[in-house]
C-alpha cells in the first residue's frame, strides 16, 4: 500500500500472500524503493490487464513510500468510482514500512 492510501484505509493494489509480498519487494523496483519516480508513460499491457485508476496522475511523479498492511479480512468498496480493498472497519494486524523515505526529503 502506498503512503497516500494509508489515511483512506483502502487501496487498489492487489492483496498478496506474505511470501508473494516478499517476492514483490525483491523484484519490483517501485515497491522495493529502488526508483525515485514513477514511469512517465504507461507500460504496454496485454488485453487482460487494466491500468490502475490513478496511473495517469502518477506519471513522472516522485515515488511514494510503500507499506505492507497485514489483515485478517477486508471489504471491497467503491472509492472515487473505483473498486478498492478497504480495512476501515477492521484493525490491521500490522503495518510494516517497506520503503520509509520520501526521495528528496530524507
Protein backbone atom coordinates (compact mmCIF):
# COMPACT_ATOMS: atom_id res chain seq x y z
CA UNK A 1 0.00 0.00 0.00
CA UNK A 2 1.30 3.47 -0.86
CA UNK A 3 1.60 6.22 1.76
CA UNK A 4 -1.25 8.18 0.14
CA UNK A 5 -3.60 5.20 0.67
CA UNK A 6 -2.98 4.79 4.41
CA UNK A 7 -5.24 7.68 5.58
CA UNK A 8 -8.11 6.35 3.40
CA UNK A 9 -7.54 2.79 4.68
CA UNK A 10 -8.12 1.41 1.19
CA UNK A 11 -6.10 0.59 -1.90
CA UNK A 12 -6.46 -0.68 -5.44
CA UNK A 13 -3.18 -2.61 -5.13
CA UNK A 14 -3.69 -6.40 -5.13
CA UNK A 15 -3.63 -8.35 -1.90
CA UNK A 16 -0.65 -10.69 -1.57
CA UNK A 17 0.26 -13.72 0.48
CA UNK A 18 3.25 -12.85 2.74
CA UNK A 19 5.65 -14.93 0.62
CA UNK A 20 4.39 -13.28 -2.57
CA UNK A 21 4.73 -9.86 -0.93
CA UNK A 22 8.37 -10.63 -0.08
CA UNK A 23 8.96 -11.65 -3.71
CA UNK A 24 7.30 -8.43 -4.93
CA UNK A 25 9.50 -6.27 -2.70
CA UNK A 26 12.57 -8.04 -4.09
CA UNK A 27 11.60 -7.94 -7.76
CA UNK A 28 9.54 -4.75 -8.21
CA UNK A 29 11.80 -1.69 -8.29
CA UNK A 30 8.96 0.67 -7.30
CA UNK A 31 7.67 -1.31 -4.32
CA UNK A 32 11.23 -2.16 -3.29
CA UNK A 33 12.18 1.54 -3.18
CA UNK A 34 14.78 1.45 -5.94
CA UNK A 35 13.11 4.09 -8.14
CA UNK A 36 12.85 7.78 -7.34
CA UNK A 37 9.90 8.49 -9.67
CA UNK A 38 7.02 6.67 -11.31
CA UNK A 39 7.44 5.98 -15.02
CA UNK A 40 6.44 8.84 -17.31
CA UNK A 41 4.37 6.65 -19.68
CA UNK A 42 2.02 3.72 -19.29
CA UNK A 43 3.61 0.29 -19.71
CA UNK A 44 2.36 -1.82 -22.57
CA UNK A 45 -0.37 -4.06 -21.15
CA UNK A 46 -1.84 -7.21 -22.61
CA UNK A 47 -5.57 -7.50 -23.26
CA UNK A 48 -6.29 -8.98 -19.81
CA UNK A 49 -4.74 -6.09 -17.85
CA UNK A 50 -6.09 -2.67 -16.95
CA UNK A 51 -4.02 0.28 -15.74
CA UNK A 52 -4.51 1.42 -12.15
CA UNK A 53 -7.29 4.01 -11.82
CA UNK A 54 -4.79 6.69 -10.76
CA UNK A 55 -1.99 5.68 -13.16
CA UNK A 56 -2.13 8.90 -15.19
CA UNK A 57 -1.85 11.02 -12.03
CA UNK A 58 1.34 9.18 -11.08
CA UNK A 59 3.14 9.61 -14.44
CA UNK A 60 6.55 11.04 -13.63
CA UNK A 61 5.58 11.85 -10.02
CA UNK A 62 8.01 11.23 -7.15
CA UNK A 63 7.85 7.72 -5.72
CA UNK A 64 5.92 7.24 -2.50
CA UNK A 65 6.90 5.06 0.45
CA UNK A 66 5.28 1.62 0.43
CA UNK A 67 3.84 -0.34 3.35
CA UNK A 68 2.76 -3.93 3.94
CA UNK A 69 -0.60 -3.91 5.72
CA UNK A 70 -1.35 -7.28 7.30
CA UNK A 71 -5.07 -8.02 7.62
CA UNK A 72 -7.34 -10.89 8.56
CA UNK A 73 -10.10 -9.54 6.29
CA UNK A 74 -11.06 -6.58 4.14
CA UNK A 75 -14.13 -5.28 2.32
CA UNK A 76 -14.42 -4.37 -1.34
CA UNK A 77 -15.63 -0.76 -1.53
CA UNK A 78 -16.11 1.88 -4.20
CA UNK A 79 -13.83 4.88 -3.75
CA UNK A 80 -13.97 7.72 -6.29
CA UNK A 81 -15.78 5.36 -8.68
CA UNK A 82 -13.21 2.56 -8.44
CA UNK A 83 -13.27 -0.78 -6.62
CA UNK A 84 -10.79 -0.90 -3.77
CA UNK A 85 -9.92 -3.12 -0.81
CA UNK A 86 -10.73 -1.39 2.48
CA UNK A 87 -9.81 -2.22 6.06
CA UNK A 88 -11.63 0.78 7.55
CA UNK A 89 -13.85 -1.50 9.67
CA UNK A 90 -11.02 -3.87 10.66
CA UNK A 91 -7.94 -3.19 12.70
CA UNK A 92 -4.77 -4.21 10.82
CA UNK A 93 -2.61 -6.86 12.45
CA UNK A 94 0.45 -4.85 11.44
CA UNK A 95 1.52 -2.01 9.18
CA UNK A 96 5.13 -2.55 8.18
CA UNK A 97 7.13 0.02 6.21
CA UNK A 98 8.72 -1.43 3.09
CA UNK A 99 10.34 1.81 1.96
CA UNK A 100 10.48 4.54 4.56
CA UNK A 101 11.85 7.59 2.78
CA UNK A 102 10.45 10.28 0.53
CA UNK A 103 13.06 10.88 -2.15
CA UNK A 104 14.41 14.42 -1.95
CA UNK A 105 13.25 14.84 1.65
CA UNK A 106 15.12 12.13 3.62
